[in-house]
Amino acid sequence: MKSSDYSPDRWLDFLRLTDPELVAKARRDVYKSGGKGGQKKNKVENAIRLTLGRLQVSDTASRSKEENLAGALRKLRLAIALDYLKGTELRVLQVRPPKEIQSYLGQEEIRINPKNPAYPLYIGYFLDRFLAQGCDFGKLALELGTSKSQVRKFVERYPALLAVTREAQEFGLLIGLLRPAQPQPPVPEKPVEDR
């Protein structure tokens, strides 16, 4: 696989790569980063930017190049999981859950720690099933065997996932993936009686 091989359809393949393999597929830039208010936070080149296809992430949180690379990799994995469009079409959706996340499914409460290595896989599968269910939280809850409120709480806990689900709902309306709510027929007016 080359970086040019990246496509949202292959998100699962890319998330299963080891960190060194994923770094090898991405373009890696090292640069100096300024802090808030023009501070010279990083006086040496230790900020990391990773680019994979149209996805680009960076990390400047630490003075350590290794820590920034680890942070950028976490961000890149999440960006891959949330990358659901290829042009104007949806990516190919996963029907079966990846084996790495099966132990997290079928529970009443949806929980997975963002630091868990399986987190991006879970998010990618969750998003695929959300899209497959027409961006309907209720239908997704039925499929996952949980409540609609649990699904909403899970989505709202993670801002990036919340933003993507909202975007997907809007995109779905544009392409007809979702049927907009049918307008209610007008209520016939009662004739006014003459007095």
N, C-alpha and C. Protein backbone atom coordinates (compact mmCIF):
# COMPACT_ATOMS: atom_id res chain seq x y z
N MET A 1 0.84 -1.19 0.00
CA MET A 1 0.00 0.00 0.00
C MET A 1 0.88 1.25 0.00
N LYS A 2 0.59 2.14 -0.87
CA LYS A 2 1.26 3.43 -0.89
C LYS A 2 0.29 4.47 -0.36
N SER A 3 0.81 5.67 -0.05
CA SER A 3 -0.08 6.74 0.41
C SER A 3 -1.16 7.01 -0.63
N SER A 4 -0.78 6.89 -1.91
CA SER A 4 -1.76 7.13 -2.96
C SER A 4 -2.84 6.05 -2.98
N ASP A 5 -2.60 4.92 -2.28
CA ASP A 5 -3.59 3.85 -2.18
C ASP A 5 -4.70 4.19 -1.20
N TYR A 6 -4.53 5.25 -0.41
CA TYR A 6 -5.53 5.54 0.60
C TYR A 6 -6.84 5.94 -0.04
N SER A 7 -7.90 5.36 0.47
CA SER A 7 -9.26 5.69 0.07
C SER A 7 -10.12 5.45 1.30
N PRO A 8 -11.17 6.25 1.50
CA PRO A 8 -12.06 5.98 2.63
C PRO A 8 -12.62 4.55 2.62
N ASP A 9 -12.71 3.94 1.43
CA ASP A 9 -13.18 2.55 1.36
C ASP A 9 -12.25 1.59 2.08
N ARG A 10 -10.99 1.96 2.21
CA ARG A 10 -9.99 1.06 2.80
C ARG A 10 -9.62 1.47 4.22
N TRP A 11 -10.53 2.15 4.90
CA TRP A 11 -10.23 2.66 6.24
C TRP A 11 -9.80 1.56 7.19
N LEU A 12 -10.44 0.41 7.11
CA LEU A 12 -10.12 -0.67 8.04
C LEU A 12 -8.71 -1.20 7.81
N ASP A 13 -8.31 -1.34 6.54
CA ASP A 13 -6.95 -1.79 6.23
C ASP A 13 -5.92 -0.83 6.81
N PHE A 14 -6.16 0.46 6.66
CA PHE A 14 -5.20 1.45 7.15
C PHE A 14 -5.16 1.49 8.68
N LEU A 15 -6.30 1.31 9.33
CA LEU A 15 -6.29 1.32 10.80
C LEU A 15 -5.62 0.09 11.38
N ARG A 16 -5.57 -0.98 10.63
CA ARG A 16 -4.92 -2.21 11.11
C ARG A 16 -3.41 -2.19 10.92
N LEU A 17 -2.88 -1.17 10.25
CA LEU A 17 -1.43 -1.04 10.10
C LEU A 17 -0.80 -0.73 11.45
N THR A 18 0.43 -1.18 11.63
CA THR A 18 1.17 -0.80 12.83
C THR A 18 1.55 0.67 12.71
N ASP A 19 1.97 1.27 13.82
CA ASP A 19 2.37 2.68 13.78
C ASP A 19 3.48 2.92 12.75
N PRO A 20 4.57 2.12 12.75
CA PRO A 20 5.61 2.37 11.74
C PRO A 20 5.09 2.21 10.30
N GLU A 21 4.20 1.25 10.07
CA GLU A 21 3.65 1.06 8.72
C GLU A 21 2.79 2.26 8.32
N LEU A 22 1.99 2.78 9.25
CA LEU A 22 1.13 3.92 8.94
C LEU A 22 1.97 5.18 8.69
N VAL A 23 3.01 5.38 9.49
CA VAL A 23 3.90 6.53 9.27
C VAL A 23 4.56 6.42 7.90
N ALA A 24 4.92 5.20 7.49
CA ALA A 24 5.55 5.01 6.18
C ALA A 24 4.59 5.35 5.04
N LYS A 25 3.30 5.17 5.24
CA LYS A 25 2.31 5.48 4.21
C LYS A 25 2.01 6.98 4.12
N ALA A 26 2.20 7.67 5.22
CA ALA A 26 1.86 9.10 5.29
C ALA A 26 3.09 9.96 4.98
N ARG A 27 2.84 11.18 4.55
CA ARG A 27 3.93 12.15 4.44
C ARG A 27 4.13 12.74 5.82
N ARG A 28 5.36 12.79 6.27
CA ARG A 28 5.67 13.28 7.62
C ARG A 28 6.48 14.56 7.50
N ASP A 29 5.98 15.62 8.12
CA ASP A 29 6.69 16.89 8.16
C ASP A 29 7.02 17.21 9.60
N VAL A 30 8.23 17.69 9.82
CA VAL A 30 8.67 18.13 11.14
C VAL A 30 8.94 19.62 11.03
N TYR A 31 8.42 20.39 11.99
CA TYR A 31 8.56 21.84 11.90
C TYR A 31 8.58 22.46 13.29
N LYS A 32 8.92 23.75 13.34
CA LYS A 32 8.87 24.50 14.60
C LYS A 32 7.47 25.02 14.78
N SER A 33 7.03 25.07 16.02
CA SER A 33 5.68 25.54 16.30
C SER A 33 5.73 26.63 17.34
N GLY A 34 4.96 27.68 17.12
CA GLY A 34 4.86 28.76 18.11
C GLY A 34 3.76 28.47 19.10
N GLY A 35 3.88 29.03 20.28
CA GLY A 35 2.85 28.85 21.30
C GLY A 35 1.81 29.95 21.23
N LYS A 36 0.92 29.96 22.20
CA LYS A 36 -0.13 30.98 22.26
C LYS A 36 0.49 32.35 22.47
N GLY A 37 -0.06 33.34 21.82
CA GLY A 37 0.41 34.71 22.00
C GLY A 37 1.80 34.94 21.45
N GLY A 38 2.22 34.11 20.51
CA GLY A 38 3.52 34.31 19.88
C GLY A 38 4.68 33.75 20.68
N GLN A 39 4.40 32.96 21.71
CA GLN A 39 5.49 32.36 22.48
C GLN A 39 6.30 31.45 21.57
N LYS A 40 7.56 31.32 21.88
CA LYS A 40 8.40 30.39 21.14
C LYS A 40 8.37 29.06 21.88
N LYS A 41 7.25 28.36 21.75
CA LYS A 41 7.03 27.12 22.48
C LYS A 41 8.06 26.06 22.08
N ASN A 42 8.20 25.83 20.79
CA ASN A 42 9.15 24.84 20.30
C ASN A 42 10.28 25.57 19.58
N LYS A 43 11.43 25.63 20.22
CA LYS A 43 12.56 26.33 19.61
C LYS A 43 13.31 25.41 18.65
N VAL A 44 12.98 24.14 18.72
CA VAL A 44 13.56 23.18 17.79
C VAL A 44 12.42 22.55 17.00
N GLU A 45 12.78 21.89 15.92
CA GLU A 45 11.75 21.27 15.10
C GLU A 45 11.28 19.97 15.74
N ASN A 46 10.19 20.06 16.49
CA ASN A 46 9.64 18.84 17.10
C ASN A 46 8.13 18.73 16.91
N ALA A 47 7.52 19.67 16.24
CA ALA A 47 6.10 19.55 15.90
C ALA A 47 5.98 18.60 14.71
N ILE A 48 4.93 17.78 14.69
CA ILE A 48 4.76 16.76 13.65
C ILE A 48 3.47 16.99 12.88
N ARG A 49 3.55 16.89 11.57
CA ARG A 49 2.37 16.93 10.71
C ARG A 49 2.40 15.66 9.86
N LEU A 50 1.28 14.93 9.84
CA LEU A 50 1.14 13.74 9.01
C LEU A 50 0.04 13.99 7.98
N THR A 51 0.33 13.63 6.73
CA THR A 51 -0.64 13.79 5.65
C THR A 51 -0.82 12.45 4.96
N LEU A 52 -2.06 12.03 4.85
CA LEU A 52 -2.41 10.78 4.17
C LEU A 52 -3.56 11.09 3.23
N GLY A 53 -3.28 11.10 1.94
CA GLY A 53 -4.32 11.50 0.98
C GLY A 53 -4.74 12.93 1.28
N ARG A 54 -6.02 13.15 1.47
CA ARG A 54 -6.51 14.50 1.78
C ARG A 54 -6.57 14.77 3.28
N LEU A 55 -6.24 13.75 4.10
CA LEU A 55 -6.27 13.92 5.55
C LEU A 55 -4.96 14.52 6.03
N GLN A 56 -5.05 15.49 6.92
CA GLN A 56 -3.85 16.10 7.48
C GLN A 56 -4.07 16.38 8.96
N VAL A 57 -3.14 15.93 9.78
CA VAL A 57 -3.21 16.15 11.22
C VAL A 57 -1.84 16.60 11.71
N SER A 58 -1.84 17.27 12.85
CA SER A 58 -0.56 17.67 13.44
C SER A 58 -0.66 17.61 14.95
N ASP A 59 0.49 17.55 15.59
CA ASP A 59 0.53 17.57 17.04
C ASP A 59 1.74 18.38 17.48
N THR A 60 1.48 19.32 18.38
CA THR A 60 2.53 20.20 18.90
C THR A 60 2.48 20.27 20.42
N ALA A 61 1.76 19.36 21.06
CA ALA A 61 1.50 19.46 22.50
C ALA A 61 2.74 19.31 23.36
N SER A 62 3.74 18.61 22.87
CA SER A 62 4.90 18.30 23.70
C SER A 62 6.17 18.89 23.09
N ARG A 63 7.21 18.94 23.91
CA ARG A 63 8.53 19.32 23.40
C ARG A 63 9.26 18.10 22.85
N SER A 64 8.64 16.94 23.02
CA SER A 64 9.23 15.69 22.56
C SER A 64 8.69 15.32 21.18
N LYS A 65 9.60 15.11 20.24
CA LYS A 65 9.19 14.73 18.89
C LYS A 65 8.46 13.38 18.91
N GLU A 66 8.92 12.45 19.74
CA GLU A 66 8.30 11.12 19.82
C GLU A 66 6.87 11.21 20.35
N GLU A 67 6.66 12.03 21.39
CA GLU A 67 5.30 12.19 21.93
C GLU A 67 4.39 12.87 20.91
N ASN A 68 4.92 13.85 20.19
CA ASN A 68 4.12 14.52 19.17
C ASN A 68 3.78 13.57 18.02
N LEU A 69 4.71 12.67 17.67
CA LEU A 69 4.43 11.69 16.64
C LEU A 69 3.33 10.74 17.10
N ALA A 70 3.40 10.30 18.35
CA ALA A 70 2.36 9.41 18.90
C ALA A 70 1.00 10.12 18.90
N GLY A 71 0.98 11.39 19.28
CA GLY A 71 -0.27 12.16 19.27
C GLY A 71 -0.81 12.34 17.86
N ALA A 72 0.08 12.63 16.91
CA ALA A 72 -0.35 12.80 15.52
C ALA A 72 -0.89 11.49 14.95
N LEU A 73 -0.29 10.37 15.33
CA LEU A 73 -0.78 9.07 14.87
C LEU A 73 -2.18 8.78 15.42
N ARG A 74 -2.41 9.10 16.70
CA ARG A 74 -3.76 8.91 17.27
C ARG A 74 -4.78 9.76 16.51
N LYS A 75 -4.41 11.01 16.22
CA LYS A 75 -5.31 11.90 15.48
C LYS A 75 -5.54 11.39 14.05
N LEU A 76 -4.49 10.87 13.41
CA LEU A 76 -4.62 10.36 12.05
C LEU A 76 -5.53 9.13 12.02
N ARG A 77 -5.37 8.25 12.98
CA ARG A 77 -6.23 7.05 13.04
C ARG A 77 -7.70 7.46 13.21
N LEU A 78 -7.95 8.44 14.05
CA LEU A 78 -9.33 8.90 14.24
C LEU A 78 -9.85 9.57 12.96
N ALA A 79 -9.00 10.36 12.31
CA ALA A 79 -9.41 11.01 11.05
C ALA A 79 -9.75 9.97 9.99
N ILE A 80 -8.98 8.88 9.92
CA ILE A 80 -9.27 7.80 8.97
C ILE A 80 -10.62 7.18 9.28
N ALA A 81 -10.86 6.90 10.57
CA ALA A 81 -12.13 6.28 10.98
C ALA A 81 -13.33 7.16 10.64
N LEU A 82 -13.16 8.47 10.72
CA LEU A 82 -14.26 9.40 10.49
C LEU A 82 -14.38 9.87 9.04
N ASP A 83 -13.49 9.41 8.17
CA ASP A 83 -13.49 9.83 6.76
C ASP A 83 -14.47 8.96 5.98
N TYR A 84 -15.71 9.41 5.86
CA TYR A 84 -16.76 8.57 5.30
C TYR A 84 -17.13 8.90 3.85
N LEU A 85 -16.58 9.96 3.29
CA LEU A 85 -16.93 10.34 1.92
C LEU A 85 -15.77 10.14 0.98
N LYS A 86 -16.08 9.63 -0.21
CA LYS A 86 -15.10 9.61 -1.29
C LYS A 86 -15.73 10.39 -2.43
N GLY A 87 -15.31 11.60 -2.57
CA GLY A 87 -15.97 12.49 -3.51
C GLY A 87 -17.35 12.83 -2.99
N THR A 88 -18.37 12.47 -3.77
CA THR A 88 -19.75 12.74 -3.33
C THR A 88 -20.48 11.46 -2.95
N GLU A 89 -19.74 10.37 -2.76
CA GLU A 89 -20.35 9.09 -2.40
C GLU A 89 -19.89 8.65 -1.02
N LEU A 90 -20.70 7.81 -0.40
CA LEU A 90 -20.30 7.21 0.87
C LEU A 90 -19.25 6.14 0.62
N ARG A 91 -18.38 5.95 1.62
CA ARG A 91 -17.42 4.86 1.53
C ARG A 91 -18.19 3.53 1.60
N VAL A 92 -17.52 2.44 1.23
CA VAL A 92 -18.12 1.11 1.37
C VAL A 92 -18.27 0.85 2.87
N LEU A 93 -19.48 0.49 3.29
CA LEU A 93 -19.77 0.34 4.71
C LEU A 93 -19.51 -1.08 5.19
N GLN A 94 -18.92 -1.19 6.37
CA GLN A 94 -18.66 -2.50 6.98
C GLN A 94 -19.97 -3.08 7.49
N VAL A 95 -20.20 -4.34 7.21
CA VAL A 95 -21.40 -5.02 7.69
C VAL A 95 -21.08 -5.77 8.98
N ARG A 96 -19.93 -6.42 9.00
CA ARG A 96 -19.52 -7.18 10.19
C ARG A 96 -18.53 -6.36 10.99
N PRO A 97 -18.62 -6.44 12.31
CA PRO A 97 -17.67 -5.69 13.13
C PRO A 97 -16.27 -6.29 13.03
N PRO A 98 -15.24 -5.45 13.03
CA PRO A 98 -13.87 -5.97 13.06
C PRO A 98 -13.68 -6.83 14.31
N LYS A 99 -12.89 -7.87 14.19
CA LYS A 99 -12.69 -8.79 15.32
C LYS A 99 -12.10 -8.08 16.54
N GLU A 100 -11.35 -7.02 16.32
CA GLU A 100 -10.71 -6.30 17.42
C GLU A 100 -11.71 -5.62 18.36
N ILE A 101 -12.93 -5.39 17.90
CA ILE A 101 -13.90 -4.66 18.74
C ILE A 101 -15.10 -5.50 19.17
N GLN A 102 -15.13 -6.76 18.81
CA GLN A 102 -16.31 -7.58 19.11
C GLN A 102 -16.61 -7.66 20.60
N SER A 103 -15.59 -7.62 21.43
CA SER A 103 -15.84 -7.70 22.88
C SER A 103 -16.51 -6.43 23.42
N TYR A 104 -16.48 -5.34 22.67
CA TYR A 104 -17.10 -4.09 23.11
C TYR A 104 -18.55 -3.95 22.65
N LEU A 105 -18.99 -4.86 21.80
CA LEU A 105 -20.35 -4.80 21.26
C LEU A 105 -21.30 -5.65 22.09
N GLY A 106 -22.58 -5.39 21.94
CA GLY A 106 -23.60 -6.18 22.62
C GLY A 106 -23.78 -5.84 24.08
N GLN A 107 -23.19 -4.73 24.51
CA GLN A 107 -23.36 -4.29 25.89
C GLN A 107 -24.44 -3.21 25.91
N GLU A 108 -25.12 -3.12 27.03
CA GLU A 108 -26.20 -2.13 27.14
C GLU A 108 -25.65 -0.71 27.04
N GLU A 109 -24.49 -0.49 27.66
CA GLU A 109 -23.88 0.85 27.63
C GLU A 109 -22.74 0.84 26.62
N ILE A 110 -22.70 1.86 25.78
CA ILE A 110 -21.64 1.97 24.77
C ILE A 110 -20.47 2.70 25.42
N ARG A 111 -19.37 1.99 25.60
CA ARG A 111 -18.19 2.59 26.23
C ARG A 111 -16.93 2.03 25.62
N ILE A 112 -16.00 2.92 25.33
CA ILE A 112 -14.65 2.54 24.95
C ILE A 112 -13.78 3.76 25.20
N ASN A 113 -12.64 3.54 25.81
CA ASN A 113 -11.73 4.62 26.16
C ASN A 113 -11.01 5.11 24.90
N PRO A 114 -10.96 6.42 24.67
CA PRO A 114 -10.25 6.95 23.50
C PRO A 114 -8.77 6.56 23.45
N LYS A 115 -8.19 6.20 24.58
CA LYS A 115 -6.78 5.78 24.59
C LYS A 115 -6.63 4.31 24.20
N ASN A 116 -7.73 3.58 24.13
CA ASN A 116 -7.71 2.18 23.74
C ASN A 116 -7.29 2.08 22.27
N PRO A 117 -6.34 1.21 21.94
CA PRO A 117 -5.93 1.07 20.53
C PRO A 117 -7.07 0.69 19.59
N ALA A 118 -8.12 0.06 20.12
CA ALA A 118 -9.26 -0.34 19.28
C ALA A 118 -10.26 0.80 19.08
N TYR A 119 -10.05 1.93 19.74
CA TYR A 119 -11.00 3.05 19.67
C TYR A 119 -11.28 3.51 18.23
N PRO A 120 -10.26 3.76 17.39
CA PRO A 120 -10.57 4.19 16.02
C PRO A 120 -11.36 3.14 15.24
N LEU A 121 -11.07 1.87 15.47
CA LEU A 121 -11.82 0.80 14.80
C LEU A 121 -13.28 0.84 15.23
N TYR A 122 -13.51 1.05 16.52
CA TYR A 122 -14.87 1.11 17.05
C TYR A 122 -15.62 2.30 16.45
N ILE A 123 -14.96 3.44 16.42
CA ILE A 123 -15.58 4.66 15.88
C ILE A 123 -15.90 4.47 14.39
N GLY A 124 -14.97 3.89 13.64
CA GLY A 124 -15.20 3.65 12.21
C GLY A 124 -16.38 2.72 11.97
N TYR A 125 -16.45 1.64 12.75
CA TYR A 125 -17.57 0.70 12.61
C TYR A 125 -18.88 1.36 13.04
N PHE A 126 -18.85 2.08 14.15
CA PHE A 126 -20.04 2.79 14.64
C PHE A 126 -20.56 3.74 13.57
N LEU A 127 -19.65 4.49 12.94
CA LEU A 127 -20.05 5.44 11.90
C LEU A 127 -20.63 4.70 10.69
N ASP A 128 -20.01 3.59 10.29
CA ASP A 128 -20.54 2.82 9.17
C ASP A 128 -21.96 2.34 9.44
N ARG A 129 -22.19 1.85 10.63
CA ARG A 129 -23.53 1.35 10.96
C ARG A 129 -24.53 2.51 11.05
N PHE A 130 -24.08 3.66 11.54
CA PHE A 130 -24.93 4.86 11.58
C PHE A 130 -25.35 5.25 10.16
N LEU A 131 -24.39 5.23 9.24
CA LEU A 131 -24.68 5.57 7.85
C LEU A 131 -25.59 4.51 7.22
N ALA A 132 -25.34 3.24 7.52
CA ALA A 132 -26.15 2.15 6.97
C ALA A 132 -27.60 2.24 7.45
N GLN A 133 -27.79 2.79 8.64
CA GLN A 133 -29.14 2.93 9.19
C GLN A 133 -29.78 4.26 8.81
N GLY A 134 -29.25 4.88 7.76
CA GLY A 134 -29.84 6.12 7.26
C GLY A 134 -29.65 7.29 8.21
N CYS A 135 -28.57 7.26 8.99
CA CYS A 135 -28.26 8.33 9.95
C CYS A 135 -29.37 8.48 10.99
N ASP A 136 -29.95 7.36 11.37
CA ASP A 136 -31.05 7.35 12.34
C ASP A 136 -30.56 6.72 13.64
N PHE A 137 -30.50 7.53 14.71
CA PHE A 137 -30.02 7.03 16.00
C PHE A 137 -30.89 5.91 16.55
N GLY A 138 -32.19 5.98 16.34
CA GLY A 138 -33.10 4.95 16.83
C GLY A 138 -32.84 3.60 16.19
N LYS A 139 -32.69 3.59 14.86
CA LYS A 139 -32.42 2.33 14.15
C LYS A 139 -31.06 1.77 14.55
N LEU A 140 -30.07 2.66 14.72
CA LEU A 140 -28.75 2.21 15.15
C LEU A 140 -28.81 1.58 16.53
N ALA A 141 -29.57 2.19 17.43
CA ALA A 141 -29.71 1.65 18.78
C ALA A 141 -30.30 0.24 18.74
N LEU A 142 -31.32 0.03 17.90
CA LEU A 142 -31.91 -1.31 17.77
C LEU A 142 -30.87 -2.31 17.28
N GLU A 143 -30.08 -1.90 16.27
CA GLU A 143 -29.05 -2.80 15.74
C GLU A 143 -28.00 -3.14 16.79
N LEU A 144 -27.61 -2.15 17.58
CA LEU A 144 -26.57 -2.36 18.58
C LEU A 144 -27.10 -2.98 19.87
N GLY A 145 -28.41 -3.09 19.99
CA GLY A 145 -29.00 -3.68 21.19
C GLY A 145 -28.92 -2.79 22.41
N THR A 146 -29.06 -1.50 22.18
CA THR A 146 -29.01 -0.53 23.28
C THR A 146 -30.12 0.50 23.07
N SER A 147 -30.14 1.49 23.91
CA SER A 147 -31.19 2.51 23.79
C SER A 147 -30.70 3.68 22.92
N LYS A 148 -31.67 4.41 22.40
CA LYS A 148 -31.37 5.60 21.60
C LYS A 148 -30.61 6.62 22.44
N SER A 149 -30.97 6.75 23.72
CA SER A 149 -30.28 7.72 24.58
C SER A 149 -28.83 7.31 24.80
N GLN A 150 -28.54 6.00 24.88
CA GLN A 150 -27.15 5.56 25.02
C GLN A 150 -26.34 5.91 23.77
N VAL A 151 -26.95 5.73 22.61
CA VAL A 151 -26.27 6.06 21.36
C VAL A 151 -25.98 7.56 21.32
N ARG A 152 -26.96 8.37 21.65
CA ARG A 152 -26.77 9.83 21.65
C ARG A 152 -25.70 10.26 22.66
N LYS A 153 -25.74 9.69 23.86
CA LYS A 153 -24.74 10.03 24.88
C LYS A 153 -23.34 9.69 24.39
N PHE A 154 -23.20 8.54 23.75
CA PHE A 154 -21.89 8.13 23.23
C PHE A 154 -21.40 9.14 22.19
N VAL A 155 -22.26 9.50 21.26
CA VAL A 155 -21.88 10.44 20.20
C VAL A 155 -21.53 11.80 20.79
N GLU A 156 -22.33 12.27 21.74
CA GLU A 156 -22.11 13.60 22.32
C GLU A 156 -20.86 13.65 23.19
N ARG A 157 -20.37 12.51 23.63
CA ARG A 157 -19.16 12.47 24.46
C ARG A 157 -17.91 12.81 23.64
N TYR A 158 -17.97 12.63 22.33
CA TYR A 158 -16.80 12.82 21.47
C TYR A 158 -17.10 13.87 20.40
N PRO A 159 -16.58 15.09 20.55
CA PRO A 159 -16.92 16.19 19.64
C PRO A 159 -16.68 15.88 18.16
N ALA A 160 -15.60 15.17 17.84
CA ALA A 160 -15.34 14.87 16.43
C ALA A 160 -16.42 13.95 15.86
N LEU A 161 -16.84 12.97 16.64
CA LEU A 161 -17.90 12.05 16.20
C LEU A 161 -19.23 12.79 16.08
N LEU A 162 -19.51 13.67 17.02
CA LEU A 162 -20.74 14.46 16.98
C LEU A 162 -20.78 15.31 15.71
N ALA A 163 -19.67 15.97 15.40
CA ALA A 163 -19.62 16.82 14.21
C ALA A 163 -19.83 16.00 12.94
N VAL A 164 -19.22 14.82 12.87
CA VAL A 164 -19.35 13.99 11.67
C VAL A 164 -20.76 13.42 11.53
N THR A 165 -21.38 13.02 12.64
CA THR A 165 -22.75 12.50 12.53
C THR A 165 -23.72 13.59 12.08
N ARG A 166 -23.52 14.80 12.58
CA ARG A 166 -24.38 15.92 12.13
C ARG A 166 -24.16 16.20 10.65
N GLU A 167 -22.89 16.22 10.24
CA GLU A 167 -22.56 16.45 8.84
C GLU A 167 -23.16 15.35 7.96
N ALA A 168 -23.07 14.11 8.42
CA ALA A 168 -23.62 12.98 7.65
C ALA A 168 -25.13 13.10 7.51
N GLN A 169 -25.79 13.55 8.57
CA GLN A 169 -27.24 13.73 8.49
C GLN A 169 -27.59 14.80 7.46
N GLU A 170 -26.85 15.89 7.44
CA GLU A 170 -27.09 16.95 6.45
C GLU A 170 -26.77 16.45 5.05
N PHE A 171 -25.65 15.74 4.91
CA PHE A 171 -25.26 15.19 3.61
C PHE A 171 -26.30 14.19 3.13
N GLY A 172 -26.80 13.36 4.03
CA GLY A 172 -27.83 12.38 3.68
C GLY A 172 -29.08 13.03 3.14
N LEU A 173 -29.46 14.15 3.71
CA LEU A 173 -30.63 14.88 3.20
C LEU A 173 -30.38 15.39 1.80
N LEU A 174 -29.14 15.81 1.53
CA LEU A 174 -28.82 16.36 0.22
C LEU A 174 -28.85 15.29 -0.87
N ILE A 175 -28.39 14.08 -0.54
CA ILE A 175 -28.31 13.05 -1.59
C ILE A 175 -29.48 12.08 -1.57
N GLY A 176 -30.41 12.29 -0.66
CA GLY A 176 -31.57 11.41 -0.62
C GLY A 176 -31.33 10.14 0.16
N LEU A 177 -30.21 10.05 0.87
CA LEU A 177 -29.95 8.89 1.73
C LEU A 177 -31.04 8.81 2.78
N LEU A 178 -31.40 9.95 3.27
CA LEU A 178 -32.48 10.04 4.25
C LEU A 178 -33.68 10.66 3.57
N ARG A 179 -34.82 10.21 3.97
CA ARG A 179 -36.02 10.87 3.48
C ARG A 179 -36.38 11.96 4.47
N PRO A 180 -36.49 13.21 4.01
CA PRO A 180 -36.88 14.25 4.95
C PRO A 180 -38.28 13.97 5.48
N ALA A 181 -38.52 14.48 6.64
CA ALA A 181 -39.85 14.29 7.25
C ALA A 181 -40.91 14.81 6.29
N GLN A 182 -41.95 14.03 6.13
CA GLN A 182 -43.03 14.42 5.23
C GLN A 182 -43.85 15.53 5.88
N PRO A 183 -44.14 16.58 5.12
CA PRO A 183 -44.97 17.64 5.70
C PRO A 183 -46.36 17.10 6.01
N GLN A 184 -46.89 17.55 7.10
CA GLN A 184 -48.23 17.15 7.50
C GLN A 184 -49.25 17.84 6.60
N PRO A 185 -50.29 17.10 6.19
CA PRO A 185 -51.31 17.76 5.36
C PRO A 185 -51.99 18.85 6.17
N PRO A 186 -52.39 19.91 5.50
CA PRO A 186 -53.05 21.00 6.24
C PRO A 186 -54.36 20.52 6.86
N VAL A 187 -54.63 21.03 8.01
CA VAL A 187 -55.88 20.70 8.70
C VAL A 187 -56.98 21.52 8.04
N PRO A 188 -58.06 20.83 7.60
CA PRO A 188 -59.13 21.60 6.95
C PRO A 188 -59.76 22.57 7.94
N GLU A 189 -59.98 23.75 7.44
CA GLU A 189 -60.59 24.77 8.30
C GLU A 189 -62.07 24.48 8.45
N LYS A 190 -62.56 24.75 9.64
CA LYS A 190 -64.00 24.60 9.88
C LYS A 190 -64.69 25.83 9.31
N PRO A 191 -65.83 25.60 8.67
CA PRO A 191 -66.54 26.77 8.13
C PRO A 191 -67.02 27.66 9.28
N VAL A 192 -66.91 28.91 9.04
CA VAL A 192 -67.34 29.88 10.04
C VAL A 192 -68.85 30.03 9.93
N GLU A 193 -69.52 29.88 11.05
CA GLU A 193 -70.99 29.99 11.05
C GLU A 193 -71.38 31.46 11.07
N ASP A 194 -72.42 31.77 10.32
CA ASP A 194 -72.95 33.14 10.35
C ASP A 194 -73.78 33.30 11.61
N ARG A 195 -73.65 34.40 12.23
CA ARG A 195 -74.43 34.67 13.44
C ARG A 195 -75.51 35.63 13.16
